[in-house]
Amino acid sequence: MAIAFDSVSDSNATSTSLTYAHTTSGDNRILFVSVLLAGEHSDYLTGVTYGGVAMTQVGKVINANTGSTYLYVLFNPAVGANNIVVNSSASVAIYSQAESFTGARQSVLDGSNTSAVTNVTSITLSIITTADNCWCISCPGAKNQAPTASTGITTRGQATPRIGDSNSAKTPAGSYSMTWVDGVTDNINMVMASFAPFIESGPSNLKSLNTNLKANIKTINGNPIANVKSLNTNV
């Protein structure tokens, strides 16, 4: 089953909590949420939920020169419109964006990576995928302004993108790079992840079982004849 884009949503507020709706649909769903605590040098983020279910942190960069950048994931999120809630231990500027996909493996991510660079106009980060046909996703954070998507990244029509994906499968598995560009010399963070497609194992297992049964039956059918021949010869 191939991975496909599902939907996108975003919001921001200066508060201890940010709530916004995101709608998921389809089978074998996966949801990613990026969070930027703008200009904050402390790890104030206390958690992210979707429909009341706690999401898992993929990676974070807490940078005194940039701010705090996070990426969260949830496998098999509830279908329909549900609230994403981002909680902070202090009142800060919270920027968040979510993307959901269908056709994704439902157990673990394929991989993840983080980076923080200073006094640059862009940031590039790579990940080595291990499963064939993975998609990649990343989120940036910057000190002075929001970076824009460049090489290897598709954004989904948001005015200020905080998350972007590869929009295609990496095949064969191997190194994949994503680049975000800033319009000024800046300090930039980035969190990146790769996620694998769902593999329908049932039919292939049945096929293997059928093949084995046929082989066993053939062996059973063949052996009696050989045994009888051997018995006749011996007599």
Protein backbone atom coordinates (compact mmCIF):
# COMPACT_ATOMS: atom_id res chain seq x y z
CA MET A 1 0.00 0.00 0.00
CA ALA A 2 1.48 3.34 -1.05
CA ILE A 3 1.72 6.37 1.22
CA ALA A 4 -0.48 9.33 0.25
CA PHE A 5 -1.02 12.84 1.62
CA ASP A 6 -4.25 13.26 3.60
CA SER A 7 -4.68 16.78 5.05
CA VAL A 8 -2.95 19.79 6.62
CA SER A 9 -3.85 22.33 9.30
CA ASP A 10 -2.09 24.99 11.36
CA SER A 11 -2.50 27.64 14.04
CA ASN A 12 -0.58 29.88 16.43
CA ALA A 13 -1.09 31.78 19.68
CA THR A 14 0.81 33.33 22.55
CA SER A 15 -0.37 31.32 25.51
CA THR A 16 0.31 28.27 27.67
CA SER A 17 -1.88 26.19 25.35
CA LEU A 18 -2.76 26.08 21.65
CA THR A 19 -5.80 24.18 20.32
CA TYR A 20 -6.79 23.67 16.69
CA ALA A 21 -8.76 21.12 14.67
CA HIS A 22 -7.31 18.61 12.22
CA THR A 23 -9.26 16.09 10.12
CA THR A 24 -7.94 12.64 9.22
CA SER A 25 -9.37 10.00 6.90
CA GLY A 26 -8.45 6.78 5.11
CA ASP A 27 -6.62 3.64 6.18
CA ASN A 28 -3.29 3.11 7.97
CA ARG A 29 -3.11 6.73 9.05
CA ILE A 30 -0.18 8.64 10.51
CA LEU A 31 -0.18 12.19 11.92
CA PHE A 32 2.78 14.55 12.36
CA VAL A 33 2.68 17.81 14.33
CA SER A 34 5.43 20.43 14.29
CA VAL A 35 5.82 22.95 17.08
CA LEU A 36 7.96 26.09 17.24
CA LEU A 37 8.27 28.03 20.48
CA ALA A 38 9.51 31.22 18.88
CA GLY A 39 12.48 32.88 20.53
CA GLU A 40 12.36 30.53 23.52
CA HIS A 41 15.59 29.01 24.79
CA SER A 42 14.05 26.65 27.34
CA ASP A 43 12.25 23.34 26.93
CA TYR A 44 8.80 24.65 27.86
CA LEU A 45 6.77 22.20 25.78
CA THR A 46 5.04 19.67 28.03
CA GLY A 47 3.15 17.62 25.45
CA VAL A 48 0.96 17.38 22.36
CA THR A 49 -2.31 15.45 22.06
CA TYR A 50 -4.73 14.61 19.25
CA GLY A 51 -8.29 13.77 20.21
CA GLY A 52 -7.07 13.45 23.79
CA VAL A 53 -4.40 10.87 22.87
CA ALA A 54 -0.80 11.72 23.70
CA MET A 55 1.53 12.00 20.71
CA THR A 56 5.14 10.74 20.69
CA GLN A 57 8.04 13.15 20.35
CA VAL A 58 10.17 12.33 17.29
CA GLY A 59 12.89 14.88 18.01
CA LYS A 60 13.58 18.36 19.33
CA VAL A 61 16.19 21.10 19.12
CA ILE A 62 16.49 23.54 22.01
CA ASN A 63 18.82 26.27 20.79
CA ALA A 64 19.77 29.40 22.74
CA ASN A 65 20.37 31.19 19.42
CA THR A 66 17.17 30.14 17.69
CA GLY A 67 14.28 28.87 19.78
CA SER A 68 12.72 25.48 20.39
CA THR A 69 11.67 23.21 17.51
CA TYR A 70 9.76 19.92 17.95
CA LEU A 71 8.23 17.16 15.81
CA TYR A 72 5.57 14.76 17.14
CA VAL A 73 3.93 11.66 15.63
CA LEU A 74 0.81 9.56 16.25
CA PHE A 75 0.11 6.23 14.57
CA ASN A 76 -3.50 5.35 13.74
CA PRO A 77 -5.04 8.69 14.84
CA ALA A 78 -8.80 8.79 15.22
CA VAL A 79 -10.77 9.33 12.01
CA GLY A 80 -12.55 12.64 11.55
CA ALA A 81 -12.13 16.12 13.00
CA ASN A 82 -10.32 16.15 16.33
CA ASN A 83 -8.41 18.76 18.29
CA ILE A 84 -4.64 19.04 18.43
CA VAL A 85 -3.63 20.51 21.79
CA VAL A 86 -0.11 21.86 22.38
CA ASN A 87 0.74 22.54 26.04
CA SER A 88 3.53 24.69 27.44
CA SER A 89 4.69 25.31 31.02
CA ALA A 90 5.02 29.04 30.27
CA SER A 91 3.10 31.56 28.17
CA VAL A 92 5.06 31.68 24.91
CA ALA A 93 4.56 32.24 21.18
CA ILE A 94 3.46 28.82 19.88
CA TYR A 95 3.42 28.04 16.15
CA SER A 96 2.17 24.63 15.07
CA GLN A 97 1.30 22.79 11.87
CA ALA A 98 0.00 19.27 11.26
CA GLU A 99 0.10 16.87 8.30
CA SER A 100 -1.56 13.47 8.10
CA PHE A 101 -1.00 10.66 5.61
CA THR A 102 -2.53 7.30 4.70
CA GLY A 103 -0.88 4.00 3.80
CA ALA A 104 1.79 4.25 6.52
CA ARG A 105 3.35 1.52 8.64
CA GLN A 106 1.62 1.47 12.01
CA SER A 107 4.40 0.48 14.40
CA VAL A 108 7.56 2.63 14.30
CA LEU A 109 9.14 5.35 12.21
CA ASP A 110 11.82 4.40 9.71
CA GLY A 111 14.27 7.00 11.12
CA SER A 112 14.82 10.55 12.41
CA ASN A 113 17.49 13.25 12.58
CA THR A 114 18.01 16.79 13.97
CA SER A 115 20.28 19.75 13.25
CA ALA A 116 21.01 23.32 14.42
CA VAL A 117 23.15 25.80 12.48
CA THR A 118 24.05 29.45 13.10
CA ASN A 119 24.74 32.44 10.84
CA VAL A 120 23.49 30.76 7.65
CA THR A 121 20.87 31.43 4.99
CA SER A 122 19.71 27.80 4.69
CA ILE A 123 19.76 24.44 6.41
CA THR A 124 20.09 20.99 4.81
CA LEU A 125 19.57 17.73 6.66
CA SER A 126 19.77 14.15 5.39
CA ILE A 127 18.36 10.85 6.56
CA ILE A 128 19.15 7.31 5.42
CA THR A 129 15.94 5.38 4.89
CA THR A 130 16.00 1.63 5.51
CA ALA A 131 12.63 0.57 4.06
CA ASP A 132 11.82 0.95 0.39
CA ASN A 133 9.25 3.59 -0.64
CA CYS A 134 9.55 5.69 2.53
CA TRP A 135 8.37 9.30 2.63
CA CYS A 136 10.27 12.00 4.51
CA ILE A 137 9.01 14.95 6.54
CA SER A 138 10.70 17.86 8.31
CA CYS A 139 10.02 21.03 10.29
CA PRO A 140 12.26 24.10 10.68
CA GLY A 141 12.62 26.86 13.22
CA ALA A 142 14.55 30.13 12.88
CA LYS A 143 15.46 33.12 15.03
CA ASN A 144 14.47 35.98 12.71
CA GLN A 145 11.88 34.69 10.25
CA ALA A 146 10.17 31.55 9.00
CA PRO A 147 12.23 29.55 6.47
CA THR A 148 10.70 28.55 3.13
CA ALA A 149 10.80 25.13 1.53
CA SER A 150 13.50 24.41 -1.03
CA THR A 151 15.09 21.17 -2.28
CA GLY A 152 13.27 17.92 -1.52
CA ILE A 153 10.31 19.54 0.24
CA THR A 154 6.66 20.07 -0.69
CA THR A 155 4.51 22.37 1.45
CA ARG A 156 0.73 22.28 1.41
CA GLY A 157 -0.46 25.81 0.68
CA GLN A 158 0.10 27.32 4.10
CA ALA A 159 1.10 30.99 4.10
CA THR A 160 3.92 30.33 6.58
CA PRO A 161 4.98 26.69 6.27
CA ARG A 162 6.16 25.04 9.48
CA ILE A 163 6.27 21.51 8.08
CA GLY A 164 6.95 19.91 4.69
CA ASP A 165 7.13 16.45 3.14
CA SER A 166 8.85 14.69 0.24
CA ASN A 167 5.55 14.20 -1.66
CA SER A 168 7.00 11.00 -3.14
CA ALA A 169 8.51 7.68 -2.17
CA LYS A 170 12.24 7.24 -1.74
CA THR A 171 13.13 4.18 -3.82
CA PRO A 172 15.41 2.42 -3.49
CA ALA A 173 16.07 3.08 0.18
CA GLY A 174 19.04 5.31 0.93
CA SER A 175 20.02 8.90 1.68
CA TYR A 176 17.40 11.64 1.26
CA SER A 177 18.03 15.36 1.87
CA MET A 178 15.71 18.27 2.60
CA THR A 179 16.60 21.99 2.51
CA TRP A 180 14.87 25.00 4.09
CA VAL A 181 15.96 28.50 3.02
CA ASP A 182 15.91 31.73 5.04
CA GLY A 183 15.84 35.15 3.40
CA VAL A 184 18.45 36.54 5.77
CA THR A 185 21.50 35.26 7.62
CA ASP A 186 19.90 33.45 10.49
CA ASN A 187 20.13 30.69 13.09
CA ILE A 188 18.03 27.70 12.02
CA ASN A 189 16.85 24.43 13.62
CA MET A 190 15.47 21.38 11.85
CA VAL A 191 13.87 18.04 12.79
CA MET A 192 13.43 15.37 10.12
CA ALA A 193 11.85 11.90 9.99
CA SER A 194 11.21 9.10 7.50
CA PHE A 195 8.19 6.79 7.62
CA ALA A 196 7.60 3.51 5.80
CA PRO A 197 4.57 2.28 3.84
CA PHE A 198 2.14 -0.28 5.24
CA ILE A 199 2.86 -3.79 3.96
CA GLU A 200 -0.09 -6.13 3.49
CA SER A 201 1.47 -9.39 4.61
CA GLY A 202 -1.62 -11.63 4.67
CA PRO A 203 -1.89 -12.66 0.99
CA SER A 204 1.83 -13.32 0.63
CA ASN A 205 1.80 -15.52 3.72
CA LEU A 206 -1.12 -17.49 2.33
CA LYS A 207 0.66 -17.88 -0.98
CA SER A 208 3.74 -19.16 0.81
CA LEU A 209 1.62 -21.56 2.82
CA ASN A 210 -0.08 -22.87 -0.33
CA THR A 211 3.29 -23.37 -2.01
CA ASN A 212 4.61 -25.29 0.96
CA LEU A 213 1.53 -27.50 1.10
CA LYS A 214 1.86 -28.33 -2.59
CA ALA A 215 5.51 -29.19 -2.13
CA ASN A 216 4.71 -31.41 0.84
CA ILE A 217 1.89 -33.18 -0.99
CA LYS A 218 4.15 -33.77 -3.99
CA THR A 219 6.80 -35.25 -1.72
CA ILE A 220 4.27 -37.48 0.03
CA ASN A 221 2.87 -38.68 -3.30
CA GLY A 222 6.35 -39.44 -4.62
CA ASN A 223 7.73 -41.26 -1.61
CA PRO A 224 5.22 -44.17 -1.50
CA ILE A 225 6.03 -45.11 -5.09
CA ALA A 226 9.72 -45.10 -4.37
CA ASN A 227 9.15 -47.10 -1.20
CA VAL A 228 7.02 -49.71 -2.97
CA LYS A 229 9.63 -50.04 -5.74
CA SER A 230 12.32 -50.49 -3.15
CA LEU A 231 10.20 -53.09 -1.34
CA ASN A 232 9.60 -55.06 -4.55
CA THR A 233 13.29 -55.05 -5.37
CA ASN A 234 14.24 -56.23 -1.94
CA VAL A 235 11.73 -59.08 -2.02
